[in-house]
Amino acid sequence: LDPKAQTPTTLLINSKMKTFSSFFLFLLSLTFLSLQASQGSTTSSSYKDTQQLLNFKASVSNPTLLSNWLPNQNTCNFTGITCKDSLVSSIDLSFTQLGTNFSLVSTFLLSLDHLETLVLKDINLTGTISFTKCNTFLTTLDLSQNSLSGSLSDISNLGSCSSLKSLNLSNNGLDSSFLKDSPRLNLEVLDL
């Protein structure tokens, strides 16, 4: 019997093994490319987060209070920053007298792609709650003990914060006399 001779069954098995091996290599390649793409996406988002935070730092009246917010530092190690998967998920700068305006907070912080919690309690925040573009992850916003002004009806400008569940605006200079309707927000907690 010739060991090199192959029966039709052997040929069929060898053909299926080659097909399976090719398919397995194809799936392995797709998985690798997918991982590379998601890493690139995370890196790009992380870079964007860093740039937005550095722009915010540059806009406050006392940027020295954010001394470790530096371009070549890991954003997740910045004072007051918490990350998930290398992306900014929470900011708490409470009691840091930054001296800034709500429009700058809206521009640089509320628009961070993966931000879930923003706590800016007693940071010397001024201005009115103007139209705000928000990400879809933000659930908690605490702007208490600041100098925000305007009407309470202005909080309807937070309508784009579709996941917002908790809003604290207590101890500000907001005027409730012009509040005609309750704001169109799906809040579980509203502290005025």
C-alpha atoms as a PDB file:
ATOM      1  CA  LEU A   1       0.000   0.000   0.000  1.00  0.00           C
ATOM      2  CA  ASP A   2       1.440   3.352  -1.060  1.00  0.00           C
ATOM      3  CA  PRO A   3       1.422   5.862   1.930  1.00  0.00           C
ATOM      4  CA  LYS A   4       1.294   8.745  -0.569  1.00  0.00           C
ATOM      5  CA  ALA A   5      -1.841   7.486  -2.175  1.00  0.00           C
ATOM      6  CA  GLN A   6      -4.863   9.312  -0.899  1.00  0.00           C
ATOM      7  CA  THR A   7      -8.370   8.031  -0.920  1.00  0.00           C
ATOM      8  CA  PRO A   8     -11.273  10.303  -1.813  1.00  0.00           C
ATOM      9  CA  THR A   9     -12.172  10.416   1.891  1.00  0.00           C
ATOM     10  CA  THR A  10      -8.651  11.535   2.807  1.00  0.00           C
ATOM     11  CA  LEU A  11      -8.730  14.205   0.095  1.00  0.00           C
ATOM     12  CA  LEU A  12     -12.076  15.468   1.357  1.00  0.00           C
ATOM     13  CA  ILE A  13     -10.810  15.635   4.954  1.00  0.00           C
ATOM     14  CA  ASN A  14      -7.650  17.456   3.865  1.00  0.00           C
ATOM     15  CA  SER A  15      -9.702  19.916   1.837  1.00  0.00           C
ATOM     16  CA  LYS A  16     -11.989  20.641   4.803  1.00  0.00           C
ATOM     17  CA  MET A  17      -8.966  21.083   7.100  1.00  0.00           C
ATOM     18  CA  LYS A  18      -7.458  23.626   4.698  1.00  0.00           C
ATOM     19  CA  THR A  19     -10.772  25.493   4.468  1.00  0.00           C
ATOM     20  CA  PHE A  20     -11.129  25.485   8.249  1.00  0.00           C
ATOM     21  CA  SER A  21      -7.539  26.703   8.695  1.00  0.00           C
ATOM     22  CA  SER A  22      -8.089  29.512   6.184  1.00  0.00           C
ATOM     23  CA  PHE A  23     -11.339  30.533   7.857  1.00  0.00           C
ATOM     24  CA  PHE A  24      -9.695  30.458  11.305  1.00  0.00           C
ATOM     25  CA  LEU A  25      -6.821  32.664  10.087  1.00  0.00           C
ATOM     26  CA  PHE A  26      -9.348  35.054   8.541  1.00  0.00           C
ATOM     27  CA  LEU A  27     -11.257  35.368  11.843  1.00  0.00           C
ATOM     28  CA  LEU A  28      -8.023  35.834  13.761  1.00  0.00           C
ATOM     29  CA  SER A  29      -7.002  38.629  11.371  1.00  0.00           C
ATOM     30  CA  LEU A  30     -10.380  40.356  11.757  1.00  0.00           C
ATOM     31  CA  THR A  31     -10.118  40.184  15.544  1.00  0.00           C
ATOM     32  CA  PHE A  32      -6.635  41.694  15.464  1.00  0.00           C
ATOM     33  CA  LEU A  33      -7.723  44.513  13.140  1.00  0.00           C
ATOM     34  CA  SER A  34     -10.767  45.210  15.307  1.00  0.00           C
ATOM     35  CA  LEU A  35      -8.589  45.469  18.412  1.00  0.00           C
ATOM     36  CA  GLN A  36      -6.212  47.813  16.604  1.00  0.00           C
ATOM     37  CA  ALA A  37      -9.090  50.027  15.456  1.00  0.00           C
ATOM     38  CA  SER A  38     -10.629  50.228  18.932  1.00  0.00           C
ATOM     39  CA  GLN A  39      -7.248  51.095  20.447  1.00  0.00           C
ATOM     40  CA  GLY A  40      -6.843  53.859  17.877  1.00  0.00           C
ATOM     41  CA  SER A  41     -10.324  55.147  18.682  1.00  0.00           C
ATOM     42  CA  THR A  42      -9.588  55.183  22.421  1.00  0.00           C
ATOM     43  CA  THR A  43      -6.270  56.936  21.810  1.00  0.00           C
ATOM     44  CA  SER A  44      -7.968  59.533  19.621  1.00  0.00           C
ATOM     45  CA  SER A  45     -10.714  60.130  22.225  1.00  0.00           C
ATOM     46  CA  SER A  46      -8.142  60.302  25.011  1.00  0.00           C
ATOM     47  CA  TYR A  47      -6.180  62.915  23.047  1.00  0.00           C
ATOM     48  CA  LYS A  48      -9.388  64.905  22.473  1.00  0.00           C
ATOM     49  CA  ASP A  49     -10.192  64.727  26.220  1.00  0.00           C
ATOM     50  CA  THR A  50      -6.716  66.024  27.050  1.00  0.00           C
ATOM     51  CA  GLN A  51      -7.018  68.922  24.609  1.00  0.00           C
ATOM     52  CA  GLN A  52     -10.433  69.948  25.952  1.00  0.00           C
ATOM     53  CA  LEU A  53      -9.194  69.839  29.556  1.00  0.00           C
ATOM     54  CA  LEU A  54      -6.085  71.870  28.703  1.00  0.00           C
ATOM     55  CA  ASN A  55      -8.242  74.425  26.874  1.00  0.00           C
ATOM     56  CA  PHE A  56     -10.476  74.650  29.943  1.00  0.00           C
ATOM     57  CA  LYS A  57      -7.431  75.167  32.178  1.00  0.00           C
ATOM     58  CA  ALA A  58      -6.202  77.963  29.905  1.00  0.00           C
ATOM     59  CA  SER A  59      -9.596  79.689  30.133  1.00  0.00           C
ATOM     60  CA  VAL A  60      -9.902  79.875  33.942  1.00  0.00           C
ATOM     61  CA  SER A  61      -8.721  82.912  35.881  1.00  0.00           C
ATOM     62  CA  ASN A  62      -6.465  80.869  38.157  1.00  0.00           C
ATOM     63  CA  PRO A  63      -4.934  78.035  36.063  1.00  0.00           C
ATOM     64  CA  THR A  64      -2.141  77.446  38.600  1.00  0.00           C
ATOM     65  CA  LEU A  65      -4.693  75.567  40.710  1.00  0.00           C
ATOM     66  CA  LEU A  66      -4.596  72.865  38.034  1.00  0.00           C
ATOM     67  CA  SER A  67      -0.807  72.622  38.074  1.00  0.00           C
ATOM     68  CA  ASN A  68      -0.558  68.968  37.051  1.00  0.00           C
ATOM     69  CA  TRP A  69      -2.810  69.436  34.011  1.00  0.00           C
ATOM     70  CA  LEU A  70       0.062  69.361  31.524  1.00  0.00           C
ATOM     71  CA  PRO A  71       0.203  68.399  27.828  1.00  0.00           C
ATOM     72  CA  ASN A  72       2.593  65.461  28.220  1.00  0.00           C
ATOM     73  CA  GLN A  73       0.922  63.988  31.313  1.00  0.00           C
ATOM     74  CA  ASN A  74      -1.639  61.200  31.486  1.00  0.00           C
ATOM     75  CA  THR A  75      -5.053  62.886  31.633  1.00  0.00           C
ATOM     76  CA  CYS A  76      -6.257  60.249  34.087  1.00  0.00           C
ATOM     77  CA  ASN A  77      -3.695  61.549  36.604  1.00  0.00           C
ATOM     78  CA  PHE A  78      -4.934  65.158  36.408  1.00  0.00           C
ATOM     79  CA  THR A  79      -6.277  66.592  39.663  1.00  0.00           C
ATOM     80  CA  GLY A  80     -10.004  65.877  39.982  1.00  0.00           C
ATOM     81  CA  ILE A  81     -10.184  63.531  36.995  1.00  0.00           C
ATOM     82  CA  THR A  82     -11.380  59.916  37.041  1.00  0.00           C
ATOM     83  CA  CYS A  83     -11.195  57.714  33.964  1.00  0.00           C
ATOM     84  CA  LYS A  84     -12.741  54.530  32.653  1.00  0.00           C
ATOM     85  CA  ASP A  85     -10.828  52.751  29.907  1.00  0.00           C
ATOM     86  CA  SER A  86      -8.438  55.738  29.638  1.00  0.00           C
ATOM     87  CA  LEU A  87     -11.306  58.162  28.939  1.00  0.00           C
ATOM     88  CA  VAL A  88     -12.498  60.937  31.269  1.00  0.00           C
ATOM     89  CA  SER A  89     -15.659  59.735  33.032  1.00  0.00           C
ATOM     90  CA  SER A  90     -15.800  61.991  36.093  1.00  0.00           C
ATOM     91  CA  ILE A  91     -14.564  65.454  37.061  1.00  0.00           C
ATOM     92  CA  ASP A  92     -14.700  66.813  40.610  1.00  0.00           C
ATOM     93  CA  LEU A  93     -13.044  70.192  41.108  1.00  0.00           C
ATOM     94  CA  SER A  94     -15.069  71.154  44.186  1.00  0.00           C
ATOM     95  CA  PHE A  95     -13.730  73.962  46.374  1.00  0.00           C
ATOM     96  CA  THR A  96     -11.050  74.876  43.820  1.00  0.00           C
ATOM     97  CA  GLN A  97     -11.519  78.618  43.263  1.00  0.00           C
ATOM     98  CA  LEU A  98     -10.979  78.510  39.513  1.00  0.00           C
ATOM     99  CA  GLY A  99     -13.061  81.557  38.612  1.00  0.00           C
ATOM    100  CA  THR A 100     -14.720  80.678  35.329  1.00  0.00           C
ATOM    101  CA  ASN A 101     -17.926  81.149  33.389  1.00  0.00           C
ATOM    102  CA  PHE A 102     -20.631  78.571  32.657  1.00  0.00           C
ATOM    103  CA  SER A 103     -20.184  78.997  28.905  1.00  0.00           C
ATOM    104  CA  LEU A 104     -16.569  77.752  29.243  1.00  0.00           C
ATOM    105  CA  VAL A 105     -17.696  74.786  31.338  1.00  0.00           C
ATOM    106  CA  SER A 106     -20.267  74.005  28.664  1.00  0.00           C
ATOM    107  CA  THR A 107     -17.751  74.339  25.838  1.00  0.00           C
ATOM    108  CA  PHE A 108     -14.881  72.348  27.312  1.00  0.00           C
ATOM    109  CA  LEU A 109     -16.276  69.997  29.971  1.00  0.00           C
ATOM    110  CA  LEU A 110     -19.911  69.119  29.292  1.00  0.00           C
ATOM    111  CA  SER A 111     -19.006  68.102  25.761  1.00  0.00           C
ATOM    112  CA  LEU A 112     -16.425  65.484  26.825  1.00  0.00           C
ATOM    113  CA  ASP A 113     -17.573  62.349  25.024  1.00  0.00           C
ATOM    114  CA  HIS A 114     -17.690  59.912  27.963  1.00  0.00           C
ATOM    115  CA  LEU A 115     -18.241  62.226  30.932  1.00  0.00           C
ATOM    116  CA  GLU A 116     -20.763  60.778  33.409  1.00  0.00           C
ATOM    117  CA  THR A 117     -20.308  63.062  36.436  1.00  0.00           C
ATOM    118  CA  LEU A 118     -19.321  66.716  36.709  1.00  0.00           C
ATOM    119  CA  VAL A 119     -19.007  68.286  40.170  1.00  0.00           C
ATOM    120  CA  LEU A 120     -18.014  71.965  40.260  1.00  0.00           C
ATOM    121  CA  LYS A 121     -19.237  72.834  43.738  1.00  0.00           C
ATOM    122  CA  ASP A 122     -17.953  76.195  45.005  1.00  0.00           C
ATOM    123  CA  ILE A 123     -15.442  76.957  42.233  1.00  0.00           C
ATOM    124  CA  ASN A 124     -16.450  80.600  41.730  1.00  0.00           C
ATOM    125  CA  LEU A 125     -18.561  79.795  38.674  1.00  0.00           C
ATOM    126  CA  THR A 126     -20.476  82.730  37.160  1.00  0.00           C
ATOM    127  CA  GLY A 127     -22.781  83.394  34.228  1.00  0.00           C
ATOM    128  CA  THR A 128     -26.097  82.003  33.116  1.00  0.00           C
ATOM    129  CA  ILE A 129     -27.050  78.497  32.106  1.00  0.00           C
ATOM    130  CA  SER A 130     -26.987  79.015  28.375  1.00  0.00           C
ATOM    131  CA  PHE A 131     -27.643  76.519  25.592  1.00  0.00           C
ATOM    132  CA  THR A 132     -25.560  73.479  26.293  1.00  0.00           C
ATOM    133  CA  LYS A 133     -24.415  70.658  24.062  1.00  0.00           C
ATOM    134  CA  CYS A 134     -24.072  67.607  26.240  1.00  0.00           C
ATOM    135  CA  ASN A 135     -22.883  64.078  25.701  1.00  0.00           C
ATOM    136  CA  THR A 136     -25.312  61.201  26.179  1.00  0.00           C
ATOM    137  CA  PHE A 137     -23.508  59.741  29.213  1.00  0.00           C
ATOM    138  CA  LEU A 138     -23.772  62.640  31.690  1.00  0.00           C
ATOM    139  CA  THR A 139     -25.983  61.590  34.625  1.00  0.00           C
ATOM    140  CA  THR A 140     -24.838  63.916  37.441  1.00  0.00           C
ATOM    141  CA  LEU A 141     -24.202  67.666  37.354  1.00  0.00           C
ATOM    142  CA  ASP A 142     -23.429  69.593  40.564  1.00  0.00           C
ATOM    143  CA  LEU A 143     -22.952  73.356  40.162  1.00  0.00           C
ATOM    144  CA  SER A 144     -23.973  74.248  43.719  1.00  0.00           C
ATOM    145  CA  GLN A 145     -22.523  77.057  45.857  1.00  0.00           C
ATOM    146  CA  ASN A 146     -21.497  79.266  42.957  1.00  0.00           C
ATOM    147  CA  SER A 147     -22.639  82.595  41.524  1.00  0.00           C
ATOM    148  CA  LEU A 148     -24.781  81.451  38.628  1.00  0.00           C
ATOM    149  CA  SER A 149     -27.463  83.982  37.723  1.00  0.00           C
ATOM    150  CA  GLY A 150     -30.492  84.223  35.482  1.00  0.00           C
ATOM    151  CA  SER A 151     -33.814  82.499  35.627  1.00  0.00           C
ATOM    152  CA  LEU A 152     -34.438  78.961  36.816  1.00  0.00           C
ATOM    153  CA  SER A 153     -36.230  78.425  33.527  1.00  0.00           C
ATOM    154  CA  ASP A 154     -32.742  78.574  31.942  1.00  0.00           C
ATOM    155  CA  ILE A 155     -32.149  75.012  33.112  1.00  0.00           C
ATOM    156  CA  SER A 156     -34.272  73.906  30.161  1.00  0.00           C
ATOM    157  CA  ASN A 157     -31.079  74.697  28.189  1.00  0.00           C
ATOM    158  CA  LEU A 158     -29.713  71.459  29.640  1.00  0.00           C
ATOM    159  CA  GLY A 159     -32.266  69.529  27.567  1.00  0.00           C
ATOM    160  CA  SER A 160     -29.546  68.014  25.368  1.00  0.00           C
ATOM    161  CA  CYS A 161     -28.216  66.234  28.471  1.00  0.00           C
ATOM    162  CA  SER A 162     -30.625  63.385  27.791  1.00  0.00           C
ATOM    163  CA  SER A 163     -29.264  61.028  30.488  1.00  0.00           C
ATOM    164  CA  LEU A 164     -29.072  63.670  33.231  1.00  0.00           C
ATOM    165  CA  LYS A 165     -30.678  62.288  36.411  1.00  0.00           C
ATOM    166  CA  SER A 166     -29.274  64.515  39.166  1.00  0.00           C
ATOM    167  CA  LEU A 167     -28.897  68.301  38.988  1.00  0.00           C
ATOM    168  CA  ASN A 168     -27.747  70.417  41.941  1.00  0.00           C
ATOM    169  CA  LEU A 169     -27.992  74.187  41.531  1.00  0.00           C
ATOM    170  CA  SER A 170     -28.481  75.067  45.208  1.00  0.00           C
ATOM    171  CA  ASN A 171     -26.926  78.205  46.696  1.00  0.00           C
ATOM    172  CA  ASN A 172     -26.663  80.173  43.458  1.00  0.00           C
ATOM    173  CA  GLY A 173     -28.289  83.432  42.414  1.00  0.00           C
ATOM    174  CA  LEU A 174     -30.934  81.884  40.179  1.00  0.00           C
ATOM    175  CA  ASP A 175     -34.302  83.662  40.078  1.00  0.00           C
ATOM    176  CA  SER A 176     -37.279  81.352  40.520  1.00  0.00           C
ATOM    177  CA  SER A 177     -39.914  84.041  39.921  1.00  0.00           C
ATOM    178  CA  PHE A 178     -39.793  83.500  36.147  1.00  0.00           C
ATOM    179  CA  LEU A 179     -40.180  79.740  36.296  1.00  0.00           C
ATOM    180  CA  LYS A 180     -43.361  79.212  34.277  1.00  0.00           C
ATOM    181  CA  ASP A 181     -43.227  75.500  33.634  1.00  0.00           C
ATOM    182  CA  SER A 182     -41.106  72.780  35.066  1.00  0.00           C
ATOM    183  CA  PRO A 183     -38.045  72.233  32.896  1.00  0.00           C
ATOM    184  CA  ARG A 184     -38.299  69.483  30.316  1.00  0.00           C
ATOM    185  CA  LEU A 185     -35.693  67.274  31.889  1.00  0.00           C
ATOM    186  CA  ASN A 186     -36.058  63.690  33.021  1.00  0.00           C
ATOM    187  CA  LEU A 187     -34.453  64.277  36.435  1.00  0.00           C
ATOM    188  CA  GLU A 188     -34.689  62.043  39.483  1.00  0.00           C
ATOM    189  CA  VAL A 189     -33.037  64.660  41.723  1.00  0.00           C
ATOM    190  CA  LEU A 190     -33.307  68.442  41.348  1.00  0.00           C
ATOM    191  CA  ASP A 191     -31.761  70.479  44.177  1.00  0.00           C
ATOM    192  CA  LEU A 192     -32.447  74.206  44.004  1.00  0.00           C
END
